[in-house]
Each structure stands twice: as structure tokens, then as C-alpha cells.
Amino acid sequence: MNLGLFEYGLVLMSFIITYFATKILISLLIDSKRVVLDYHKEGKKFVAYPGGPALIIGLISSLVLAFVITNDIRIIAILGVVIISSAIGLVDDFRTLGGRKKPLILVLASLPIILLGTYEPNLNFLFFGSVKLSIIYPLLILISIPVTANTINTIDVLNGVSTGFVIITSIPLLILLVLMGDSNMVLVTLILISVCLAFFVFHRYPSKIFPGDSGTLTIGAMYGAIAIVGGIELIGVFAILPAILNSFFYLASMRDFVEHKNIKVRPTRVLSDGTIEAESNENAPITLVRLIVAGNPSKELPIVNTIFVLSLISAVLATIMGVLTWMI
């Protein structure tokens, strides 16, 4: 596997475009009073929102050039996933689609992979080998993109978490794709990491901008698309296990797809000094953050770091599992 100067230049370009797009977008959003309350801060701190357009510009422009360089139809499929999921996210940012509609509509974002046939209907299990799922696999794709998109969207509750989480959990994908010698998918994964890293500069604690649904749904959908098209689906799932568990806890406790903004009782409370504690009301949804602070109230940054540590552990285990699967 060998990336040339053009490919590395493209990765750098994706960072630069996203960095300056985010910087400009922050000013535009603040000037137009497109801001939201940063709930987990003491006092009233408002942050620019939504920052998704900066991520979308960085990803789309880079993927178009990546296709020009490689002429790989798989990149067109991933580009299609990004365009459709970002359009859905933008509509949700400005109109709110609702908890039930959003996952259903996101099924549309799965179609480019299926229609272009850019997948292999196989799942590679450690110790058990490859299992061919010719009939079921397309149905799994229809489910997978909404799942990864909503999973990253659901975990986006604290400063820097969604973009930082995707950066960390994309590393196992990158390592496995390098081992497999799939240079084009390595390039696409590096673009995702680079774009998220550029946005993270402004999204990290204390945030200057939030990605909104347009940002989180887009990077979540692209993450899922890389895992599917690259043939490393199970590694991708294992790497984002903390976020999947967060979504599972949330849905199990709410018994429905409910938007964060429509929750009647929030899972945590912010004290006057900025300390975050778990909500004692039994009607509050169970989330990863609520579990982290249960019996151990904490400030926001340590909670963010705890989530990153959990994601790093999951990423390391996913990498080990992936390497063993590749070797065996």
C-alpha cells in the first residue's frame, strides 16, 4: 500500500478547508445570532450552531478530489452517503424531523452503497472465518448507516465528544485498511480523521461551535460507510461500542426515539459551580454520561476525558481483534 504526494496533499487540504470553513462559519453564525445554550456550563454560555456545514464542505470537496485521483467507484458511494446524510441533518437542524422520522429517512443514505454494489456480502469473524450473507447483507446495510449516524448523534452531548470520538474510533479502521493494502479506503479514512480533527480544534472543551445534527449524522454515516465498503464492518462496530451502548441505554429507558431537545427530564443536572450530577428522577433517560457521574459528580472536562478513555480502550480492543482476524 502506497499513498503518493497528491493523496497526502489532499488529506492536508481537507484539514485546511475545514479549519477555515469552521472559523468563518463561527463568525457568520454569531453575527446572525444562530447560537444555542451550552447546557453543561455554569451561567449562560452560548455557542455557535450548527457547525455541520463546515464538516460537510470539507468532506464533500475532499471526496470529489479523491475520486478524481483514484477513479474508485467506492468513493462515489461514500460521497453519496455523505451528501444524503448531510442534507437530512441540515433539514433537522433548521426544522427538526423528530425522533422517529430521522432514522427512517436516514435509510436513504444507505442506498448509494447498495445501488452501486460497492460491498462484499461477507462478515469476517475471529476464529470462525468468513460468512457469506448474500440475501441478508443489503438489509443490514439499510440498517447500519442509520445506526452509526444516530449513534454518533446521540453521544454528542458534551464539548468535543462527537468529533473526538470519531477521530479515535477511526484509527482501528485505518490500521486494518493499511494491513489489507486498500490505499483508496486508507485515503478516505484519513480524510474523515483530518476533517474531524480540524473541526475538533474549535469543538473541543470549551466549545466555540457545536456540529449539530448536520455534522454528527454526516460523520457517523461516513464512518459506517467506510466500515462497510472497506469490508471491516465488525471492527467498526466494536470500535464504537461505547456509543452503541449509550444509544441502547437511552432507547431502552425512553422506550422511543425522542429528540434530546424534547426530553422532559434531563439525565443530568448542572450545579451552580458547573459540577454535573446524575438526575435522581426515575423518568430521566439512562445515558453514558449519567452512568459516569452516578455517585461521582464531576465537571464537564473530566467526563469528556472519561468518554475518550473508554473510546480508546474500545479502539485498542477493536484493533487487536481486527489484526488477529486478518492474520488468521
Protein backbone atom coordinates (compact mmCIF):
# COMPACT_ATOMS: atom_id res chain seq x y z
CA MET A 1 0.00 0.00 0.00
CA ASN A 2 1.45 3.34 -1.05
CA LEU A 3 -0.03 6.84 -0.90
CA GLY A 4 1.59 9.47 -3.09
CA LEU A 5 2.18 13.19 -2.64
CA PHE A 6 -1.21 14.00 -4.19
CA GLU A 7 -3.00 11.83 -1.65
CA TYR A 8 -1.15 13.27 1.35
CA GLY A 9 -1.68 16.76 -0.06
CA LEU A 10 -5.39 16.03 -0.32
CA VAL A 11 -5.54 14.99 3.34
CA LEU A 12 -3.78 18.22 4.33
CA MET A 13 -6.12 20.20 2.10
CA SER A 14 -9.16 18.63 3.78
CA PHE A 15 -7.84 19.87 7.15
CA ILE A 16 -7.17 23.40 5.85
CA ILE A 17 -10.55 23.73 4.13
CA THR A 18 -12.46 22.52 7.20
CA TYR A 19 -10.39 24.64 9.59
CA PHE A 20 -11.01 27.91 7.78
CA ALA A 21 -14.61 27.00 6.89
CA THR A 22 -15.28 26.43 10.60
CA LYS A 23 -13.56 29.67 11.59
CA ILE A 24 -15.62 31.67 9.08
CA LEU A 25 -18.82 29.83 10.00
CA ILE A 26 -18.43 30.67 13.69
CA SER A 27 -18.37 34.39 12.87
CA LEU A 28 -21.33 34.11 10.49
CA LEU A 29 -23.43 32.15 12.98
CA ILE A 30 -22.69 34.52 15.86
CA ASP A 31 -23.43 37.58 13.71
CA SER A 32 -26.76 36.06 12.66
CA LYS A 33 -27.49 35.02 16.27
CA ARG A 34 -27.54 31.33 15.38
CA VAL A 35 -26.39 30.19 18.83
CA VAL A 36 -27.54 27.65 21.41
CA LEU A 37 -27.09 27.38 25.16
CA ASP A 38 -24.16 25.28 26.34
CA TYR A 39 -26.22 23.47 28.97
CA HIS A 40 -23.32 21.94 30.90
CA LYS A 41 -21.67 25.23 31.82
CA GLU A 42 -22.32 27.40 34.85
CA GLY A 43 -24.14 30.59 33.93
CA LYS A 44 -25.44 31.20 30.42
CA LYS A 45 -22.83 30.47 27.76
CA PHE A 46 -23.97 30.41 24.16
CA VAL A 47 -22.18 28.61 21.33
CA ALA A 48 -22.39 28.92 17.52
CA TYR A 49 -24.68 26.32 15.94
CA PRO A 50 -24.85 24.38 13.63
CA GLY A 51 -21.27 23.77 12.56
CA GLY A 52 -22.17 20.88 10.28
CA PRO A 53 -21.78 22.89 7.03
CA ALA A 54 -18.04 23.27 7.70
CA LEU A 55 -17.63 19.50 8.10
CA ILE A 56 -19.78 18.89 5.02
CA ILE A 57 -17.76 21.30 2.85
CA GLY A 58 -14.50 19.69 3.95
CA LEU A 59 -15.73 16.15 3.33
CA ILE A 60 -17.51 16.67 0.01
CA SER A 61 -14.74 18.72 -1.60
CA SER A 62 -12.10 16.20 -0.48
CA LEU A 63 -14.08 13.14 -1.57
CA VAL A 64 -14.70 14.63 -5.02
CA LEU A 65 -10.97 15.17 -5.50
CA ALA A 66 -10.23 11.74 -4.05
CA PHE A 67 -12.42 10.19 -6.75
CA VAL A 68 -10.69 12.24 -9.45
CA ILE A 69 -7.32 10.95 -8.23
CA THR A 70 -8.32 7.29 -7.76
CA ASN A 71 -11.32 6.76 -10.07
CA ASP A 72 -12.64 4.36 -7.41
CA ILE A 73 -16.42 3.90 -7.59
CA ARG A 74 -16.46 3.09 -3.86
CA ILE A 75 -15.58 6.71 -3.14
CA ILE A 76 -18.63 7.82 -5.14
CA ALA A 77 -20.77 5.54 -2.96
CA ILE A 78 -19.31 7.09 0.22
CA LEU A 79 -19.77 10.57 -1.28
CA GLY A 80 -23.43 9.72 -1.91
CA VAL A 81 -23.82 8.61 1.71
CA VAL A 82 -22.27 11.89 2.89
CA ILE A 83 -24.44 14.08 0.64
CA ILE A 84 -27.71 12.40 1.60
CA SER A 85 -26.98 12.21 5.35
CA SER A 86 -25.78 15.82 5.43
CA ALA A 87 -28.93 17.01 3.63
CA ILE A 88 -31.07 15.16 6.18
CA GLY A 89 -29.01 16.64 9.02
CA LEU A 90 -29.34 20.19 7.68
CA VAL A 91 -33.11 19.84 7.44
CA ASP A 92 -33.16 18.51 11.01
CA ASP A 93 -31.03 21.41 12.27
CA PHE A 94 -33.39 24.02 10.92
CA ARG A 95 -36.78 22.25 11.01
CA THR A 96 -36.43 19.24 13.38
CA LEU A 97 -37.51 15.99 11.78
CA GLY A 98 -38.41 14.24 15.01
CA GLY A 99 -37.02 11.20 16.77
CA ARG A 100 -38.91 8.58 14.73
CA LYS A 101 -38.67 10.15 11.27
CA LYS A 102 -34.93 10.72 11.30
CA PRO A 103 -33.80 7.05 11.50
CA LEU A 104 -36.31 6.08 8.82
CA ILE A 105 -35.26 8.83 6.41
CA LEU A 106 -31.59 8.01 7.01
CA VAL A 107 -32.21 4.67 5.31
CA LEU A 108 -31.94 6.70 2.09
CA ALA A 109 -28.29 7.39 2.90
CA SER A 110 -27.60 3.64 2.66
CA LEU A 111 -28.80 3.38 -0.94
CA PRO A 112 -25.63 4.58 -2.77
CA ILE A 113 -23.67 1.63 -1.36
CA ILE A 114 -26.36 -0.87 -2.41
CA LEU A 115 -27.18 0.65 -5.82
CA LEU A 116 -23.52 0.92 -6.82
CA GLY A 117 -22.77 -2.55 -5.48
CA THR A 118 -19.76 -1.35 -3.53
CA TYR A 119 -19.82 -4.06 -0.89
CA GLU A 120 -18.95 -7.70 -0.38
CA PRO A 121 -21.73 -9.70 1.34
CA ASN A 122 -19.33 -11.28 3.81
CA LEU A 123 -18.71 -10.91 7.53
CA ASN A 124 -15.31 -11.92 8.86
CA PHE A 125 -15.46 -13.39 12.37
CA LEU A 126 -12.42 -14.01 14.57
CA PHE A 127 -11.70 -17.77 14.80
CA PHE A 128 -14.79 -18.61 12.69
CA GLY A 129 -13.75 -17.21 9.34
CA SER A 130 -15.91 -15.55 6.70
CA VAL A 131 -19.68 -15.94 6.48
CA LYS A 132 -21.44 -15.13 3.20
CA LEU A 133 -24.78 -13.30 3.60
CA SER A 134 -25.87 -12.62 0.02
CA ILE A 135 -29.57 -12.02 0.76
CA ILE A 136 -29.43 -10.53 4.26
CA TYR A 137 -26.42 -8.25 3.77
CA PRO A 138 -28.19 -5.47 1.78
CA LEU A 139 -30.80 -5.33 4.54
CA LEU A 140 -28.01 -4.97 7.10
CA ILE A 141 -26.63 -2.04 5.11
CA LEU A 142 -30.02 -0.33 5.19
CA ILE A 143 -29.95 -0.61 8.98
CA SER A 144 -26.25 0.07 9.54
CA ILE A 145 -25.94 3.61 8.17
CA PRO A 146 -28.89 4.96 10.24
CA VAL A 147 -27.44 3.17 13.29
CA THR A 148 -23.92 4.61 13.00
CA ALA A 149 -25.26 8.06 12.14
CA ASN A 150 -27.68 8.16 15.07
CA THR A 151 -25.14 6.58 17.42
CA ILE A 152 -22.66 9.42 16.88
CA ASN A 153 -25.53 11.91 17.04
CA THR A 154 -26.74 10.54 20.39
CA ILE A 155 -23.33 10.65 22.06
CA ASP A 156 -22.85 14.32 21.08
CA VAL A 157 -23.84 15.81 24.44
CA LEU A 158 -20.59 17.34 25.72
CA ASN A 159 -17.92 19.60 24.26
CA GLY A 160 -15.82 17.88 21.62
CA VAL A 161 -17.18 14.38 22.18
CA SER A 162 -18.60 13.50 18.75
CA THR A 163 -15.65 14.63 16.63
CA GLY A 164 -13.08 13.41 19.17
CA PHE A 165 -14.85 10.06 19.38
CA VAL A 166 -14.86 9.60 15.60
CA ILE A 167 -11.16 10.50 15.39
CA ILE A 168 -10.25 7.85 17.98
CA THR A 169 -12.54 5.12 16.67
CA SER A 170 -11.46 5.64 13.05
CA ILE A 171 -7.90 4.62 13.92
CA PRO A 172 -8.72 0.86 14.05
CA LEU A 173 -10.32 1.17 10.60
CA LEU A 174 -7.20 2.93 9.33
CA ILE A 175 -4.84 0.29 10.73
CA LEU A 176 -6.83 -2.61 9.28
CA LEU A 177 -7.14 -0.95 5.87
CA VAL A 178 -3.37 -0.37 5.84
CA LEU A 179 -2.78 -4.06 6.63
CA MET A 180 -5.21 -5.04 3.87
CA GLY A 181 -3.36 -2.78 1.43
CA ASP A 182 -6.52 -0.85 0.49
CA SER A 183 -4.89 2.51 -0.24
CA ASN A 184 -8.05 4.21 -1.53
CA MET A 185 -10.02 3.45 1.62
CA VAL A 186 -7.00 4.48 3.70
CA LEU A 187 -7.17 7.83 1.90
CA VAL A 188 -10.89 8.20 2.62
CA THR A 189 -10.40 7.31 6.30
CA LEU A 190 -7.56 9.82 6.60
CA ILE A 191 -9.87 12.47 5.11
CA LEU A 192 -12.53 11.70 7.74
CA ILE A 193 -9.96 11.92 10.54
CA SER A 194 -8.42 15.10 9.13
CA VAL A 195 -11.77 16.88 8.72
CA CYS A 196 -12.89 15.89 12.23
CA LEU A 197 -9.51 16.98 13.65
CA ALA A 198 -9.80 20.43 12.04
CA PHE A 199 -13.30 20.87 13.45
CA PHE A 200 -12.21 19.49 16.83
CA VAL A 201 -9.86 22.46 17.24
CA PHE A 202 -13.00 24.61 17.72
CA HIS A 203 -15.31 21.91 19.08
CA ARG A 204 -13.08 20.74 21.95
CA TYR A 205 -13.68 21.96 25.50
CA PRO A 206 -14.63 24.78 25.85
CA SER A 207 -16.51 24.65 22.56
CA LYS A 208 -16.76 27.61 20.22
CA ILE A 209 -19.13 25.74 17.91
CA PHE A 210 -21.39 22.68 18.01
CA PRO A 211 -21.68 20.38 14.94
CA GLY A 212 -25.45 20.00 15.13
CA ASP A 213 -27.26 17.05 13.55
CA SER A 214 -25.87 18.01 10.14
CA GLY A 215 -22.37 17.40 11.48
CA THR A 216 -22.89 14.34 13.67
CA LEU A 217 -25.14 12.47 11.26
CA THR A 218 -22.72 13.10 8.40
CA ILE A 219 -19.55 11.89 10.14
CA GLY A 220 -21.44 8.97 11.71
CA ALA A 221 -22.85 7.89 8.35
CA MET A 222 -19.45 8.23 6.66
CA TYR A 223 -17.83 6.15 9.41
CA GLY A 224 -20.37 3.39 8.77
CA ALA A 225 -19.90 3.64 5.00
CA ILE A 226 -16.11 3.21 5.30
CA ALA A 227 -16.55 0.14 7.51
CA ILE A 228 -19.00 -1.45 5.05
CA VAL A 229 -17.22 -0.57 1.81
CA GLY A 230 -13.86 -1.45 3.33
CA GLY A 231 -15.13 -4.86 4.44
CA ILE A 232 -14.32 -4.29 8.13
CA GLU A 233 -17.86 -3.96 9.48
CA LEU A 234 -17.41 -5.90 12.72
CA ILE A 235 -14.25 -3.97 13.62
CA GLY A 236 -16.15 -0.73 13.03
CA VAL A 237 -18.99 -1.85 15.28
CA PHE A 238 -16.66 -2.97 18.07
CA ALA A 239 -14.70 0.30 17.97
CA ILE A 240 -17.79 2.44 18.61
CA LEU A 241 -19.19 0.12 21.28
CA PRO A 242 -19.35 2.85 23.99
CA ALA A 243 -21.54 4.97 21.72
CA ILE A 244 -23.70 1.98 20.79
CA LEU A 245 -24.22 1.18 24.47
CA ASN A 246 -25.10 4.82 25.10
CA SER A 247 -27.79 4.64 22.40
CA PHE A 248 -29.06 1.32 23.74
CA PHE A 249 -29.35 2.66 27.32
CA TYR A 250 -31.11 5.78 26.03
CA LEU A 251 -33.63 3.92 23.86
CA ALA A 252 -34.28 1.24 26.48
CA SER A 253 -35.03 3.83 29.15
CA MET A 254 -37.09 6.13 26.90
CA ARG A 255 -38.82 3.28 25.01
CA ASP A 256 -38.96 5.53 21.94
CA PHE A 257 -36.87 7.69 19.60
CA VAL A 258 -37.01 11.02 21.44
CA GLU A 259 -35.01 14.10 20.44
CA HIS A 260 -32.70 15.49 23.14
CA LYS A 261 -34.47 18.84 22.98
CA ASN A 262 -37.83 17.15 23.67
CA ILE A 263 -36.75 15.26 26.81
CA LYS A 264 -38.93 16.30 29.75
CA VAL A 265 -36.42 15.27 32.43
CA ARG A 266 -32.75 15.60 31.52
CA PRO A 267 -30.38 12.76 32.51
CA THR A 268 -28.07 15.11 34.43
CA ARG A 269 -28.19 18.36 36.37
CA VAL A 270 -25.65 21.19 36.38
CA LEU A 271 -24.96 22.71 39.79
CA SER A 272 -24.15 26.37 40.36
CA ASP A 273 -20.39 25.70 40.27
CA GLY A 274 -20.60 23.78 36.99
CA THR A 275 -20.48 20.33 38.55
CA ILE A 276 -22.58 17.75 36.69
CA GLU A 277 -24.50 15.19 38.72
CA ALA A 278 -26.87 12.37 37.79
CA GLU A 279 -30.58 13.12 37.82
CA SER A 280 -32.33 11.11 40.55
CA ASN A 281 -35.74 11.24 38.83
CA GLU A 282 -36.55 7.72 37.60
CA ASN A 283 -38.13 9.19 34.46
CA ALA A 284 -34.80 10.61 33.31
CA PRO A 285 -33.18 8.69 30.44
CA ILE A 286 -30.19 6.48 31.14
CA THR A 287 -27.12 7.69 29.23
CA LEU A 288 -23.39 7.06 29.31
CA VAL A 289 -22.82 10.46 30.93
CA ARG A 290 -25.43 9.79 33.61
CA LEU A 291 -23.75 6.47 34.42
CA ILE A 292 -20.31 8.11 34.59
CA VAL A 293 -21.43 10.74 37.13
CA ALA A 294 -23.74 8.44 39.11
CA GLY A 295 -22.42 8.68 42.67
CA ASN A 296 -19.46 10.68 41.38
CA PRO A 297 -20.46 14.25 40.35
CA SER A 298 -17.82 15.86 38.14
CA LYS A 299 -17.00 18.85 35.98
CA GLU A 300 -17.51 18.56 32.22
CA LEU A 301 -13.89 18.15 31.07
CA PRO A 302 -13.14 15.06 33.24
CA ILE A 303 -16.33 13.45 31.92
CA VAL A 304 -15.28 14.17 28.34
CA ASN A 305 -11.86 12.66 29.05
CA THR A 306 -13.51 9.57 30.57
CA ILE A 307 -15.53 9.06 27.39
CA PHE A 308 -12.35 9.42 25.33
CA VAL A 309 -10.59 6.85 27.53
CA LEU A 310 -13.48 4.42 27.04
CA SER A 311 -13.38 5.01 23.28
CA LEU A 312 -9.61 4.49 23.26
CA ILE A 313 -9.97 1.18 25.12
CA SER A 314 -12.64 0.06 22.68
CA ALA A 315 -10.50 1.16 19.74
CA VAL A 316 -7.46 -0.76 21.02
CA LEU A 317 -9.53 -3.92 21.53
CA ALA A 318 -11.08 -3.49 18.07
CA THR A 319 -7.61 -3.14 16.58
CA ILE A 320 -6.38 -6.29 18.32
CA MET A 321 -9.46 -8.21 17.16
CA GLY A 322 -9.01 -6.89 13.63
CA VAL A 323 -5.33 -7.75 13.42
CA LEU A 324 -5.97 -11.28 14.72
CA THR A 325 -8.80 -11.73 12.23
CA TRP A 326 -6.53 -10.54 9.41
CA MET A 327 -3.69 -12.82 10.50
CA ILE A 328 -5.86 -15.91 10.93
